[in-house]
Amino acid sequence: MKLLEHAVIAGMPVRNRILRSATWEALADAKGYMSENNTASMTSWPRMKWA
């Protein structure tokens, strides 16, 4: 499968999507809310240059 190529994952068609696995990053604040570090991490990911 190539990046942005149509595909089927577990019987579900996906088109032009980049999937990211669920991860735990421990960046929330003490109350469990988004922190500035968490926001920076989430917003920088789509701008990363992939090989």
Protein backbone atom coordinates (compact mmCIF):
# COMPACT_ATOMS: atom_id res chain seq x y z
CA MET A 1 0.00 0.00 0.00
CA LYS A 2 1.33 3.44 -0.93
CA LEU A 3 0.70 6.70 0.89
CA LEU A 4 -2.66 8.26 -0.13
CA GLU A 5 -3.59 5.17 -2.17
CA HIS A 6 -7.11 3.74 -1.87
CA ALA A 7 -7.11 0.74 0.47
CA VAL A 8 -9.34 -1.52 2.55
CA ILE A 9 -8.51 -2.07 6.22
CA ALA A 10 -10.52 -4.73 8.09
CA GLY A 11 -13.20 -4.53 5.40
CA MET A 12 -13.50 -0.76 5.68
CA PRO A 13 -12.53 1.28 2.60
CA VAL A 14 -10.22 4.18 3.33
CA ARG A 15 -9.34 6.78 0.74
CA ASN A 16 -6.62 9.40 0.85
CA ARG A 17 -6.20 9.10 4.60
CA ILE A 18 -3.19 8.91 6.85
CA LEU A 19 -3.90 6.79 9.93
CA ARG A 20 -2.19 7.22 13.25
CA SER A 21 -2.29 4.62 15.97
CA ALA A 22 -3.67 5.54 19.37
CA THR A 23 -0.87 6.45 21.74
CA TRP A 24 -0.53 7.71 25.29
CA GLU A 25 1.73 10.75 25.48
CA ALA A 26 1.20 11.88 29.11
CA LEU A 27 0.90 15.53 28.08
CA ALA A 28 -2.43 16.42 29.71
CA ASP A 29 -2.54 18.76 32.69
CA ALA A 30 -3.31 17.61 36.26
CA LYS A 31 -7.08 17.71 35.56
CA GLY A 32 -6.76 15.70 32.34
CA TYR A 33 -7.26 18.64 29.99
CA MET A 34 -5.19 19.43 26.91
CA SER A 35 -1.98 21.26 27.79
CA GLU A 36 0.06 23.58 25.59
CA ASN A 37 2.56 20.75 25.08
CA ASN A 38 -0.23 18.40 24.00
CA THR A 39 -1.63 20.95 21.57
CA ALA A 40 1.84 21.59 20.12
CA SER A 41 2.40 17.85 19.68
CA MET A 42 -0.95 17.29 17.93
CA THR A 43 -0.65 20.30 15.61
CA SER A 44 2.95 19.63 14.58
CA TRP A 45 2.35 16.01 13.53
CA PRO A 46 0.56 16.78 10.22
CA ARG A 47 3.36 19.18 9.20
CA MET A 48 6.13 16.61 9.62
CA LYS A 49 8.00 15.66 6.48
CA TRP A 50 7.86 11.92 5.91
CA ALA A 51 10.49 10.01 3.97
